[in-house]
């Protein structure tokens, strides 16, 4: 058996994170994909918008392959955190389409260049801004999976839906009653740990 090229493994894990992140939007209203679910405003569509910018930056501009996409939320003088939420005028379709174009651009970079190609990250400090393509892809995979995890929690809090994708819940088997009992058991354990000996 021939071992797959490392590029194949990298792409598999990158694409699985991308797919999981987008799947979290399916079936939800405009309000539910945009509403802030945490005290810091984490929201589903904002996570997708952020992920698009990350790919275009680390797997495009860093290697001298600008995409030509307009990302005003990342320009000098843009509002802080503007890449983490969508305005009412930025549609779901526009942001999802941008993310898919970012995939295509990033994938083209990954295919075109050797993994040991060195690029420069424009927003890192001078003198510490060099990175290999391999490192950049791993960084984007880690970032995307992290945000897919955020999206998983936000989606569960929104309507109870969980899992990696439509065919893979990645959850222990159990119906709603089992999960409620499980949660109650965890709550009891947490309370007992808080007050040992009582």
Protein backbone atom coordinates (compact mmCIF):
# COMPACT_ATOMS: atom_id res chain seq x y z
CA UNK A 1 0.00 0.00 0.00
CA UNK A 2 1.35 3.41 -0.96
CA UNK A 3 1.14 6.09 1.71
CA UNK A 4 -0.87 9.14 0.64
CA UNK A 5 0.98 12.39 0.09
CA UNK A 6 0.86 14.59 3.21
CA UNK A 7 -1.05 17.12 1.11
CA UNK A 8 -3.92 14.58 0.86
CA UNK A 9 -4.20 14.29 4.65
CA UNK A 10 -3.98 18.04 5.13
CA UNK A 11 -6.71 18.65 2.59
CA UNK A 12 -8.98 15.97 4.10
CA UNK A 13 -8.88 17.54 7.56
CA UNK A 14 -9.20 21.07 6.22
CA UNK A 15 -12.22 20.16 4.13
CA UNK A 16 -13.91 18.26 6.97
CA UNK A 17 -13.65 21.37 9.15
CA UNK A 18 -14.97 23.59 6.38
CA UNK A 19 -17.93 21.31 5.77
CA UNK A 20 -18.75 21.09 9.49
CA UNK A 21 -18.68 24.87 9.83
CA UNK A 22 -21.05 25.44 6.93
CA UNK A 23 -23.37 22.62 7.98
CA UNK A 24 -24.10 24.50 11.20
CA UNK A 25 -25.97 27.16 9.19
CA UNK A 26 -28.35 24.73 7.52
CA UNK A 27 -32.02 25.05 8.40
CA UNK A 28 -31.63 28.13 10.60
CA UNK A 29 -33.25 31.53 10.19
CA UNK A 30 -31.33 34.70 9.36
CA UNK A 31 -31.70 35.73 12.98
CA UNK A 32 -30.38 32.47 14.39
CA UNK A 33 -27.25 32.42 12.20
CA UNK A 34 -26.41 36.00 13.23
CA UNK A 35 -27.50 36.34 16.83
CA UNK A 36 -24.78 36.64 19.48
CA UNK A 37 -24.76 33.42 21.49
CA UNK A 38 -22.00 34.30 23.97
CA UNK A 39 -21.03 37.40 25.96
CA UNK A 40 -18.34 38.12 23.32
CA UNK A 41 -20.85 37.87 20.47
CA UNK A 42 -19.89 34.52 18.92
CA UNK A 43 -22.33 33.77 16.11
CA UNK A 44 -22.53 31.24 13.30
CA UNK A 45 -22.34 33.46 10.22
CA UNK A 46 -19.53 35.51 11.76
CA UNK A 47 -17.48 32.35 12.22
CA UNK A 48 -17.85 31.58 8.51
CA UNK A 49 -16.93 35.15 7.56
CA UNK A 50 -13.84 34.96 9.77
CA UNK A 51 -12.80 31.58 8.35
CA UNK A 52 -12.97 32.96 4.80
CA UNK A 53 -10.59 35.77 5.68
CA UNK A 54 -8.21 33.39 7.44
CA UNK A 55 -7.94 31.15 4.36
CA UNK A 56 -7.50 34.03 1.94
CA UNK A 57 -4.79 35.51 4.13
CA UNK A 58 -2.74 32.51 5.23
CA UNK A 59 -3.19 30.43 2.08
CA UNK A 60 -3.20 33.25 -0.44
CA UNK A 61 -1.63 36.58 0.37
CA UNK A 62 1.06 35.00 2.58
CA UNK A 63 2.41 33.14 -0.47
CA UNK A 64 2.17 36.01 -2.94
CA UNK A 65 -1.14 34.74 -4.29
CA UNK A 66 -3.70 37.49 -3.55
CA UNK A 67 -7.26 36.47 -4.32
CA UNK A 68 -8.56 39.83 -5.49
CA UNK A 69 -11.49 39.49 -3.06
CA UNK A 70 -12.61 42.67 -1.33
CA UNK A 71 -12.52 42.21 2.46
CA UNK A 72 -13.21 45.70 3.85
CA UNK A 73 -13.57 44.29 7.37
CA UNK A 74 -9.85 43.39 7.34
CA UNK A 75 -8.50 46.66 5.92
CA UNK A 76 -6.58 49.23 7.97
CA UNK A 77 -9.02 51.35 9.93
CA UNK A 78 -11.78 48.73 9.93
CA UNK A 79 -13.84 48.34 13.06
CA UNK A 80 -12.29 45.95 15.58
CA UNK A 81 -13.74 42.43 15.34
CA UNK A 82 -15.62 43.28 12.12
CA UNK A 83 -14.66 39.90 10.63
CA UNK A 84 -16.55 38.04 13.39
CA UNK A 85 -20.11 39.14 12.58
CA UNK A 86 -22.26 39.94 9.58
CA UNK A 87 -24.06 43.22 9.08
CA UNK A 88 -27.72 43.14 8.07
CA UNK A 89 -26.59 44.07 4.55
CA UNK A 90 -24.19 41.11 4.23
CA UNK A 91 -26.27 38.16 3.12
CA UNK A 92 -25.79 34.54 4.06
CA UNK A 93 -25.39 33.74 0.36
CA UNK A 94 -22.63 36.34 -0.08
CA UNK A 95 -20.64 35.13 2.91
CA UNK A 96 -21.04 31.42 2.11
CA UNK A 97 -20.09 32.10 -1.51
CA UNK A 98 -17.03 34.07 -0.35
CA UNK A 99 -16.03 31.15 1.88
CA UNK A 100 -16.36 28.68 -0.99
CA UNK A 101 -14.23 30.94 -3.22
CA UNK A 102 -11.68 31.13 -0.39
CA UNK A 103 -11.59 27.30 -0.35
CA UNK A 104 -10.93 27.19 -4.07
CA UNK A 105 -8.19 29.81 -3.83
CA UNK A 106 -6.55 28.10 -0.84
CA UNK A 107 -6.77 24.67 -2.49
CA UNK A 108 -5.12 26.07 -5.61
CA UNK A 109 -2.25 27.39 -3.47
CA UNK A 110 -1.86 24.05 -1.71
CA UNK A 111 -1.77 22.22 -5.04
CA UNK A 112 0.52 24.69 -6.81
CA UNK A 113 3.31 25.00 -4.25
CA UNK A 114 5.56 22.51 -2.45
CA UNK A 115 4.71 22.22 1.24
CA UNK A 116 8.15 23.57 2.20
CA UNK A 117 7.56 26.83 0.28
CA UNK A 118 8.25 29.80 2.55
CA UNK A 119 5.83 32.72 2.66
CA UNK A 120 5.56 35.91 4.68
CA UNK A 121 2.54 36.66 6.85
CA UNK A 122 1.87 40.38 6.31
CA UNK A 123 0.29 40.96 9.73
CA UNK A 124 3.04 39.23 11.74
CA UNK A 125 6.00 41.27 13.08
CA UNK A 126 8.86 41.82 10.64
CA UNK A 127 11.65 39.33 11.19
CA UNK A 128 9.22 36.76 12.61
CA UNK A 129 6.87 36.63 9.66
CA UNK A 130 8.17 33.63 7.70
CA UNK A 131 6.12 30.45 7.54
CA UNK A 132 6.13 27.33 5.40
CA UNK A 133 3.05 26.35 3.46
CA UNK A 134 2.84 23.18 5.56
CA UNK A 135 2.79 25.24 8.75
CA UNK A 136 0.22 27.65 7.31
CA UNK A 137 -2.11 24.81 6.28
CA UNK A 138 -1.85 23.20 9.74
CA UNK A 139 -2.58 26.60 11.32
CA UNK A 140 -5.69 27.05 9.14
CA UNK A 141 -6.87 23.51 9.91
CA UNK A 142 -6.49 24.15 13.65
CA UNK A 143 -8.28 27.50 13.41
CA UNK A 144 -11.13 26.11 11.33
CA UNK A 145 -11.68 23.10 13.59
CA UNK A 146 -11.61 25.40 16.62
CA UNK A 147 -14.33 27.56 15.10
CA UNK A 148 -16.31 24.50 13.96
CA UNK A 149 -16.30 23.52 17.64
CA UNK A 150 -17.59 26.96 18.56
CA UNK A 151 -20.27 26.58 15.91
CA UNK A 152 -21.23 23.15 17.25
CA UNK A 153 -21.89 24.59 20.69
CA UNK A 154 -23.74 27.63 19.34
CA UNK A 155 -25.92 25.39 17.19
CA UNK A 156 -26.69 23.03 20.09
CA UNK A 157 -27.71 26.02 22.21
CA UNK A 158 -29.87 27.31 19.35
CA UNK A 159 -31.91 24.22 18.46
CA UNK A 160 -30.25 21.15 19.95
CA UNK A 161 -28.60 19.97 16.70
CA UNK A 162 -25.17 18.40 17.22
CA UNK A 163 -22.50 16.56 15.24
CA UNK A 164 -19.79 16.85 12.62
CA UNK A 165 -22.13 16.53 9.66
CA UNK A 166 -25.50 15.16 8.60
CA UNK A 167 -24.31 11.55 8.66
CA UNK A 168 -21.96 11.71 11.65
CA UNK A 169 -23.24 13.00 14.98
CA UNK A 170 -20.04 11.95 16.79
CA UNK A 171 -22.25 11.60 19.86
CA UNK A 172 -23.03 8.71 22.18
CA UNK A 173 -26.33 7.03 21.29
CA UNK A 174 -29.30 8.20 23.33
CA UNK A 175 -32.70 9.80 23.03
CA UNK A 176 -33.76 13.12 24.59
CA UNK A 177 -34.66 11.45 27.90
CA UNK A 178 -31.25 9.75 28.09
CA UNK A 179 -29.44 13.03 27.42
CA UNK A 180 -31.51 14.86 30.05
CA UNK A 181 -30.69 12.15 32.59
CA UNK A 182 -27.02 12.31 31.59
CA UNK A 183 -26.94 16.10 32.02
CA UNK A 184 -28.62 15.84 35.43
CA UNK A 185 -26.00 13.27 36.49
CA UNK A 186 -23.20 15.64 35.45
CA UNK A 187 -24.86 18.47 37.34
CA UNK A 188 -25.03 16.33 40.51
CA UNK A 189 -21.37 15.35 40.13
CA UNK A 190 -20.36 18.99 39.74
CA UNK A 191 -22.32 20.00 42.84
CA UNK A 192 -20.82 17.14 44.85
CA UNK A 193 -17.31 18.15 43.77
CA UNK A 194 -18.00 21.75 44.80
CA UNK A 195 -19.02 20.69 48.33
CA UNK A 196 -16.97 17.58 49.25
CA UNK A 197 -18.08 15.72 52.32
CA UNK A 198 -21.64 17.02 52.31
